[in-house]
Amino acid sequence: YPVENVTLDYKLVSLDFNSPLDMRAPGGVT
């Protein structure tokens, strides 16, 4: 989208699981 005013942020929370793994369209579909 042609948006002129944009703020994006991405952070991680470390939990007691095994590491996640790429899964069909990782991040994109999410």
PDB file of all heavy atoms in Angstrom:
ATOM      1  N   TYR A   1       0.824  -1.203   0.000  1.00  0.00           N
ATOM      2  CA  TYR A   1       0.000   0.000   0.000  1.00  0.00           C
ATOM      3  C   TYR A   1       0.866   1.264   0.000  1.00  0.00           C
ATOM      4  O   TYR A   1       1.897   1.316   0.682  1.00  0.00           O
ATOM      5  CB  TYR A   1      -0.931  -0.004   1.217  1.00  0.00           C
ATOM      6  CG  TYR A   1      -1.884  -1.186   1.205  1.00  0.00           C
ATOM      7  CD1 TYR A   1      -1.687  -2.276   2.067  1.00  0.00           C
ATOM      8  CD2 TYR A   1      -2.957  -1.224   0.330  1.00  0.00           C
ATOM      9  CE1 TYR A   1      -2.546  -3.364   2.043  1.00  0.00           C
ATOM     10  CE2 TYR A   1      -3.823  -2.306   0.303  1.00  0.00           C
ATOM     11  CZ  TYR A   1      -3.612  -3.378   1.152  1.00  0.00           C
ATOM     12  OH  TYR A   1      -4.457  -4.453   1.128  1.00  0.00           O
ATOM     13  N   PRO A   2       0.435   2.301  -0.734  1.00  0.00           N
ATOM     14  CA  PRO A   2       1.224   3.539  -0.840  1.00  0.00           C
ATOM     15  C   PRO A   2       1.017   4.447   0.370  1.00  0.00           C
ATOM     16  O   PRO A   2       0.485   5.560   0.258  1.00  0.00           O
ATOM     17  CB  PRO A   2       0.685   4.176  -2.125  1.00  0.00           C
ATOM     18  CG  PRO A   2      -0.748   3.728  -2.174  1.00  0.00           C
ATOM     19  CD  PRO A   2      -0.771   2.339  -1.597  1.00  0.00           C
ATOM     20  N   VAL A   3       1.426   3.981   1.526  1.00  0.00           N
ATOM     21  CA  VAL A   3       1.209   4.717   2.767  1.00  0.00           C
ATOM     22  C   VAL A   3       2.439   5.561   3.066  1.00  0.00           C
ATOM     23  O   VAL A   3       3.565   5.052   3.088  1.00  0.00           O
ATOM     24  CB  VAL A   3       0.953   3.750   3.946  1.00  0.00           C
ATOM     25  CG1 VAL A   3       0.333   4.490   5.108  1.00  0.00           C
ATOM     26  CG2 VAL A   3       0.067   2.601   3.514  1.00  0.00           C
ATOM     27  N   GLU A   4       2.249   6.822   3.336  1.00  0.00           N
ATOM     28  CA  GLU A   4       3.372   7.733   3.573  1.00  0.00           C
ATOM     29  C   GLU A   4       3.773   7.805   5.041  1.00  0.00           C
ATOM     30  O   GLU A   4       4.875   8.259   5.355  1.00  0.00           O
ATOM     31  CB  GLU A   4       3.016   9.128   3.049  1.00  0.00           C
ATOM     32  CG  GLU A   4       2.800   9.162   1.538  1.00  0.00           C
ATOM     33  CD  GLU A   4       2.439  10.539   1.040  1.00  0.00           C
ATOM     34  OE1 GLU A   4       2.262  11.446   1.894  1.00  0.00           O
ATOM     35  OE2 GLU A   4       2.319  10.720  -0.184  1.00  0.00           O
ATOM     36  N   ASN A   5       2.883   7.358   5.925  1.00  0.00           N
ATOM     37  CA  ASN A   5       3.155   7.454   7.361  1.00  0.00           C
ATOM     38  C   ASN A   5       3.076   6.058   7.970  1.00  0.00           C
ATOM     39  O   ASN A   5       1.980   5.529   8.205  1.00  0.00           O
ATOM     40  CB  ASN A   5       2.144   8.399   8.021  1.00  0.00           C
ATOM     41  CG  ASN A   5       2.121   9.762   7.345  1.00  0.00           C
ATOM     42  OD1 ASN A   5       3.033  10.567   7.505  1.00  0.00           O
ATOM     43  ND2 ASN A   5       1.069  10.015   6.561  1.00  0.00           N
ATOM     44  N   VAL A   6       4.241   5.479   8.203  1.00  0.00           N
ATOM     45  CA  VAL A   6       4.300   4.069   8.578  1.00  0.00           C
ATOM     46  C   VAL A   6       5.258   3.869   9.750  1.00  0.00           C
ATOM     47  O   VAL A   6       6.374   4.402   9.749  1.00  0.00           O
ATOM     48  CB  VAL A   6       4.765   3.196   7.393  1.00  0.00           C
ATOM     49  CG1 VAL A   6       4.851   1.729   7.809  1.00  0.00           C
ATOM     50  CG2 VAL A   6       3.838   3.358   6.201  1.00  0.00           C
ATOM     51  N   THR A   7       4.823   3.081  10.725  1.00  0.00           N
ATOM     52  CA  THR A   7       5.698   2.627  11.808  1.00  0.00           C
ATOM     53  C   THR A   7       5.518   1.120  11.962  1.00  0.00           C
ATOM     54  O   THR A   7       4.394   0.640  12.159  1.00  0.00           O
ATOM     55  CB  THR A   7       5.363   3.324  13.136  1.00  0.00           C
ATOM     56  OG1 THR A   7       5.598   4.731  13.003  1.00  0.00           O
ATOM     57  CG2 THR A   7       6.244   2.783  14.262  1.00  0.00           C
ATOM     58  N   LEU A   8       6.616   0.392  11.865  1.00  0.00           N
ATOM     59  CA  LEU A   8       6.596  -1.069  11.940  1.00  0.00           C
ATOM     60  C   LEU A   8       7.526  -1.529  13.055  1.00  0.00           C
ATOM     61  O   LEU A   8       8.587  -0.951  13.263  1.00  0.00           O
ATOM     62  CB  LEU A   8       7.032  -1.691  10.606  1.00  0.00           C
ATOM     63  CG  LEU A   8       6.293  -1.208   9.350  1.00  0.00           C
ATOM     64  CD1 LEU A   8       6.926  -1.807   8.107  1.00  0.00           C
ATOM     65  CD2 LEU A   8       4.812  -1.565   9.422  1.00  0.00           C
ATOM     66  N   ASP A   9       7.139  -2.584  13.744  1.00  0.00           N
ATOM     67  CA  ASP A   9       7.945  -3.067  14.864  1.00  0.00           C
ATOM     68  C   ASP A   9       7.774  -4.574  14.996  1.00  0.00           C
ATOM     69  O   ASP A   9       6.660  -5.089  14.858  1.00  0.00           O
ATOM     70  CB  ASP A   9       7.504  -2.371  16.159  1.00  0.00           C
ATOM     71  CG  ASP A   9       8.424  -2.699  17.334  1.00  0.00           C
ATOM     72  OD1 ASP A   9       9.628  -2.921  17.108  1.00  0.00           O
ATOM     73  OD2 ASP A   9       7.927  -2.754  18.477  1.00  0.00           O
ATOM     74  N   TYR A  10       8.877  -5.251  15.268  1.00  0.00           N
ATOM     75  CA  TYR A  10       8.849  -6.715  15.397  1.00  0.00           C
ATOM     76  C   TYR A  10       9.778  -7.123  16.525  1.00  0.00           C
ATOM     77  O   TYR A  10      10.946  -6.741  16.554  1.00  0.00           O
ATOM     78  CB  TYR A  10       9.287  -7.356  14.084  1.00  0.00           C
ATOM     79  CG  TYR A  10       9.419  -8.873  14.118  1.00  0.00           C
ATOM     80  CD1 TYR A  10       8.301  -9.682  14.255  1.00  0.00           C
ATOM     81  CD2 TYR A  10      10.660  -9.481  13.987  1.00  0.00           C
ATOM     82  CE1 TYR A  10       8.412 -11.061  14.266  1.00  0.00           C
ATOM     83  CE2 TYR A  10      10.783 -10.863  13.999  1.00  0.00           C
ATOM     84  CZ  TYR A  10       9.656 -11.647  14.131  1.00  0.00           C
ATOM     85  OH  TYR A  10       9.773 -13.017  14.144  1.00  0.00           O
ATOM     86  N   LYS A  11       9.247  -7.885  17.481  1.00  0.00           N
ATOM     87  CA  LYS A  11      10.034  -8.326  18.625  1.00  0.00           C
ATOM     88  C   LYS A  11       9.778  -9.808  18.894  1.00  0.00           C
ATOM     89  O   LYS A  11       8.775 -10.381  18.450  1.00  0.00           O
ATOM     90  CB  LYS A  11       9.679  -7.501  19.870  1.00  0.00           C
ATOM     91  CG  LYS A  11      10.086  -6.039  19.787  1.00  0.00           C
ATOM     92  CD  LYS A  11       9.715  -5.290  21.054  1.00  0.00           C
ATOM     93  CE  LYS A  11      10.143  -3.824  20.969  1.00  0.00           C
ATOM     94  NZ  LYS A  11       9.753  -3.066  22.192  1.00  0.00           N
ATOM     95  N   LEU A  12      10.698 -10.396  19.644  1.00  0.00           N
ATOM     96  CA  LEU A  12      10.607 -11.804  19.998  1.00  0.00           C
ATOM     97  C   LEU A  12      10.453 -11.972  21.502  1.00  0.00           C
ATOM     98  O   LEU A  12      10.984 -11.178  22.285  1.00  0.00           O
ATOM     99  CB  LEU A  12      11.864 -12.553  19.545  1.00  0.00           C
ATOM    100  CG  LEU A  12      12.149 -12.583  18.044  1.00  0.00           C
ATOM    101  CD1 LEU A  12      13.467 -13.303  17.785  1.00  0.00           C
ATOM    102  CD2 LEU A  12      11.012 -13.248  17.288  1.00  0.00           C
ATOM    103  N   VAL A  13       9.754 -13.026  21.884  1.00  0.00           N
ATOM    104  CA  VAL A  13       9.622 -13.416  23.289  1.00  0.00           C
ATOM    105  C   VAL A  13      10.188 -14.826  23.416  1.00  0.00           C
ATOM    106  O   VAL A  13       9.703 -15.763  22.779  1.00  0.00           O
ATOM    107  CB  VAL A  13       8.156 -13.391  23.751  1.00  0.00           C
ATOM    108  CG1 VAL A  13       8.058 -13.858  25.209  1.00  0.00           C
ATOM    109  CG2 VAL A  13       7.567 -11.999  23.595  1.00  0.00           C
ATOM    110  N   SER A  14      11.226 -14.979  24.214  1.00  0.00           N
ATOM    111  CA  SER A  14      11.863 -16.284  24.399  1.00  0.00           C
ATOM    112  C   SER A  14      11.061 -17.122  25.384  1.00  0.00           C
ATOM    113  O   SER A  14      10.828 -16.712  26.521  1.00  0.00           O
ATOM    114  CB  SER A  14      13.296 -16.107  24.916  1.00  0.00           C
ATOM    115  OG  SER A  14      14.086 -15.406  23.972  1.00  0.00           O
ATOM    116  N   LEU A  15      10.643 -18.295  24.931  1.00  0.00           N
ATOM    117  CA  LEU A  15       9.842 -19.201  25.750  1.00  0.00           C
ATOM    118  C   LEU A  15      10.498 -20.577  25.806  1.00  0.00           C
ATOM    119  O   LEU A  15      11.442 -20.861  25.068  1.00  0.00           O
ATOM    120  CB  LEU A  15       8.424 -19.320  25.180  1.00  0.00           C
ATOM    121  CG  LEU A  15       7.610 -18.025  25.107  1.00  0.00           C
ATOM    122  CD1 LEU A  15       6.277 -18.285  24.414  1.00  0.00           C
ATOM    123  CD2 LEU A  15       7.386 -17.440  26.489  1.00  0.00           C
ATOM    124  N   ASP A  16       9.990 -21.419  26.680  1.00  0.00           N
ATOM    125  CA  ASP A  16      10.568 -22.750  26.875  1.00  0.00           C
ATOM    126  C   ASP A  16       9.946 -23.760  25.913  1.00  0.00           C
ATOM    127  O   ASP A  16       9.286 -24.728  26.294  1.00  0.00           O
ATOM    128  CB  ASP A  16      10.390 -23.185  28.334  1.00  0.00           C
ATOM    129  CG  ASP A  16      11.179 -22.298  29.283  1.00  0.00           C
ATOM    130  OD1 ASP A  16      12.367 -22.060  29.019  1.00  0.00           O
ATOM    131  OD2 ASP A  16      10.596 -21.830  30.280  1.00  0.00           O
ATOM    132  N   PHE A  17      10.143 -23.479  24.609  1.00  0.00           N
ATOM    133  CA  PHE A  17       9.805 -24.384  23.523  1.00  0.00           C
ATOM    134  C   PHE A  17      11.067 -24.632  22.712  1.00  0.00           C
ATOM    135  O   PHE A  17      12.055 -23.898  22.836  1.00  0.00           O
ATOM    136  CB  PHE A  17       8.759 -23.765  22.587  1.00  0.00           C
ATOM    137  CG  PHE A  17       7.377 -23.665  23.155  1.00  0.00           C
ATOM    138  CD1 PHE A  17       6.690 -22.461  23.129  1.00  0.00           C
ATOM    139  CD2 PHE A  17       6.735 -24.778  23.684  1.00  0.00           C
ATOM    140  CE1 PHE A  17       5.406 -22.349  23.623  1.00  0.00           C
ATOM    141  CE2 PHE A  17       5.451 -24.685  24.187  1.00  0.00           C
ATOM    142  CZ  PHE A  17       4.781 -23.472  24.160  1.00  0.00           C
ATOM    143  N   ASN A  18      11.016 -25.641  21.853  1.00  0.00           N
ATOM    144  CA  ASN A  18      12.062 -25.765  20.845  1.00  0.00           C
ATOM    145  C   ASN A  18      11.909 -24.611  19.861  1.00  0.00           C
ATOM    146  O   ASN A  18      10.856 -23.975  19.778  1.00  0.00           O
ATOM    147  CB  ASN A  18      11.955 -27.114  20.119  1.00  0.00           C
ATOM    148  CG  ASN A  18      13.244 -27.510  19.420  1.00  0.00           C
ATOM    149  OD1 ASN A  18      14.172 -26.706  19.306  1.00  0.00           O
ATOM    150  ND2 ASN A  18      13.306 -28.733  18.960  1.00  0.00           N
ATOM    151  N   SER A  19      12.949 -24.332  19.098  1.00  0.00           N
ATOM    152  CA  SER A  19      12.900 -23.211  18.163  1.00  0.00           C
ATOM    153  C   SER A  19      11.806 -23.414  17.115  1.00  0.00           C
ATOM    154  O   SER A  19      11.641 -24.526  16.596  1.00  0.00           O
ATOM    155  CB  SER A  19      14.241 -23.048  17.450  1.00  0.00           C
ATOM    156  OG  SER A  19      15.269 -22.739  18.349  1.00  0.00           O
ATOM    157  N   PRO A  20      11.065 -22.369  16.797  1.00  0.00           N
ATOM    158  CA  PRO A  20      10.147 -22.456  15.660  1.00  0.00           C
ATOM    159  C   PRO A  20      10.927 -22.712  14.370  1.00  0.00           C
ATOM    160  O   PRO A  20      12.158 -22.640  14.342  1.00  0.00           O
ATOM    161  CB  PRO A  20       9.471 -21.084  15.654  1.00  0.00           C
ATOM    162  CG  PRO A  20       9.640 -20.557  17.044  1.00  0.00           C
ATOM    163  CD  PRO A  20      10.980 -21.079  17.487  1.00  0.00           C
ATOM    164  N   LEU A  21      10.189 -22.980  13.313  1.00  0.00           N
ATOM    165  CA  LEU A  21      10.802 -23.353  12.046  1.00  0.00           C
ATOM    166  C   LEU A  21       9.928 -22.841  10.915  1.00  0.00           C
ATOM    167  O   LEU A  21       8.706 -22.777  11.037  1.00  0.00           O
ATOM    168  CB  LEU A  21      10.927 -24.883  11.979  1.00  0.00           C
ATOM    169  CG  LEU A  21      11.510 -25.533  10.731  1.00  0.00           C
ATOM    170  CD1 LEU A  21      12.938 -25.078  10.488  1.00  0.00           C
ATOM    171  CD2 LEU A  21      11.468 -27.056  10.879  1.00  0.00           C
ATOM    172  N   ASP A  22      10.559 -22.487   9.804  1.00  0.00           N
ATOM    173  CA  ASP A  22       9.800 -22.005   8.654  1.00  0.00           C
ATOM    174  C   ASP A  22       8.671 -22.978   8.300  1.00  0.00           C
ATOM    175  O   ASP A  22       8.880 -24.183   8.199  1.00  0.00           O
ATOM    176  CB  ASP A  22      10.720 -21.852   7.440  1.00  0.00           C
ATOM    177  CG  ASP A  22      11.745 -20.744   7.635  1.00  0.00           C
ATOM    178  OD1 ASP A  22      11.517 -19.870   8.488  1.00  0.00           O
ATOM    179  OD2 ASP A  22      12.766 -20.756   6.930  1.00  0.00           O
ATOM    180  N   MET A  23       7.498 -22.419   8.108  1.00  0.00           N
ATOM    181  CA  MET A  23       6.316 -23.213   7.750  1.00  0.00           C
ATOM    182  C   MET A  23       5.582 -22.466   6.655  1.00  0.00           C
ATOM    183  O   MET A  23       5.360 -21.260   6.749  1.00  0.00           O
ATOM    184  CB  MET A  23       5.423 -23.393   8.983  1.00  0.00           C
ATOM    185  CG  MET A  23       4.234 -24.293   8.781  1.00  0.00           C
ATOM    186  SD  MET A  23       3.407 -24.543  10.392  1.00  0.00           S
ATOM    187  CE  MET A  23       2.087 -25.646   9.930  1.00  0.00           C
ATOM    188  N   ARG A  24       5.232 -23.131   5.625  1.00  0.00           N
ATOM    189  CA  ARG A  24       4.670 -22.577   4.396  1.00  0.00           C
ATOM    190  C   ARG A  24       4.252 -21.104   4.503  1.00  0.00           C
ATOM    191  O   ARG A  24       3.349 -20.749   5.238  1.00  0.00           O
ATOM    192  CB  ARG A  24       3.473 -23.404   3.946  1.00  0.00           C
ATOM    193  CG  ARG A  24       3.124 -23.221   2.482  1.00  0.00           C
ATOM    194  CD  ARG A  24       2.059 -24.192   2.038  1.00  0.00           C
ATOM    195  NE  ARG A  24       1.986 -24.281   0.584  1.00  0.00           N
ATOM    196  CZ  ARG A  24       1.276 -25.191  -0.069  1.00  0.00           C
ATOM    197  NH1 ARG A  24       0.590 -26.097   0.604  1.00  0.00           N
ATOM    198  NH2 ARG A  24       1.244 -25.219  -1.392  1.00  0.00           N
ATOM    199  N   ALA A  25       4.958 -20.258   3.744  1.00  0.00           N
ATOM    200  CA  ALA A  25       4.787 -18.801   3.787  1.00  0.00           C
ATOM    201  C   ALA A  25       5.045 -18.253   5.180  1.00  0.00           C
ATOM    202  O   ALA A  25       4.221 -17.522   5.741  1.00  0.00           O
ATOM    203  CB  ALA A  25       3.410 -18.383   3.297  1.00  0.00           C
ATOM    204  N   PRO A  26       6.203 -18.588   5.784  1.00  0.00           N
ATOM    205  CA  PRO A  26       6.485 -18.144   7.153  1.00  0.00           C
ATOM    206  C   PRO A  26       6.477 -16.620   7.265  1.00  0.00           C
ATOM    207  O   PRO A  26       7.145 -15.929   6.507  1.00  0.00           O
ATOM    208  CB  PRO A  26       7.880 -18.718   7.435  1.00  0.00           C
ATOM    209  CG  PRO A  26       8.502 -18.912   6.082  1.00  0.00           C
ATOM    210  CD  PRO A  26       7.364 -19.290   5.190  1.00  0.00           C
ATOM    211  N   GLY A  27       5.725 -16.119   8.224  1.00  0.00           N
ATOM    212  CA  GLY A  27       5.624 -14.675   8.414  1.00  0.00           C
ATOM    213  C   GLY A  27       4.645 -14.030   7.463  1.00  0.00           C
ATOM    214  O   GLY A  27       3.880 -13.143   7.850  1.00  0.00           O
ATOM    215  N   GLY A  28       4.656 -14.450   6.209  1.00  0.00           N
ATOM    216  CA  GLY A  28       3.770 -13.853   5.208  1.00  0.00           C
ATOM    217  C   GLY A  28       2.312 -14.124   5.508  1.00  0.00           C
ATOM    218  O   GLY A  28       1.495 -13.202   5.624  1.00  0.00           O
ATOM    219  N   VAL A  29       1.966 -15.391   5.681  1.00  0.00           N
ATOM    220  CA  VAL A  29       0.573 -15.709   5.969  1.00  0.00           C
ATOM    221  C   VAL A  29       0.196 -15.229   7.364  1.00  0.00           C
ATOM    222  O   VAL A  29      -0.953 -14.845   7.611  1.00  0.00           O
ATOM    223  CB  VAL A  29       0.321 -17.226   5.808  1.00  0.00           C
ATOM    224  CG1 VAL A  29       1.076 -18.037   6.843  1.00  0.00           C
ATOM    225  CG2 VAL A  29      -1.159 -17.540   5.874  1.00  0.00           C
ATOM    226  N   THR A  30       1.161 -15.206   8.285  1.00  0.00           N
ATOM    227  CA  THR A  30       0.895 -14.718   9.636  1.00  0.00           C
ATOM    228  C   THR A  30       0.567 -13.230   9.622  1.00  0.00           C
ATOM    229  O   THR A  30      -0.439 -12.782  10.186  1.00  0.00           O
ATOM    230  CB  THR A  30       2.110 -14.975  10.538  1.00  0.00           C
ATOM    231  OG1 THR A  30       2.426 -16.361  10.527  1.00  0.00           O
ATOM    232  CG2 THR A  30       1.839 -14.529  11.960  1.00  0.00           C
TER     233      THR A  30
END
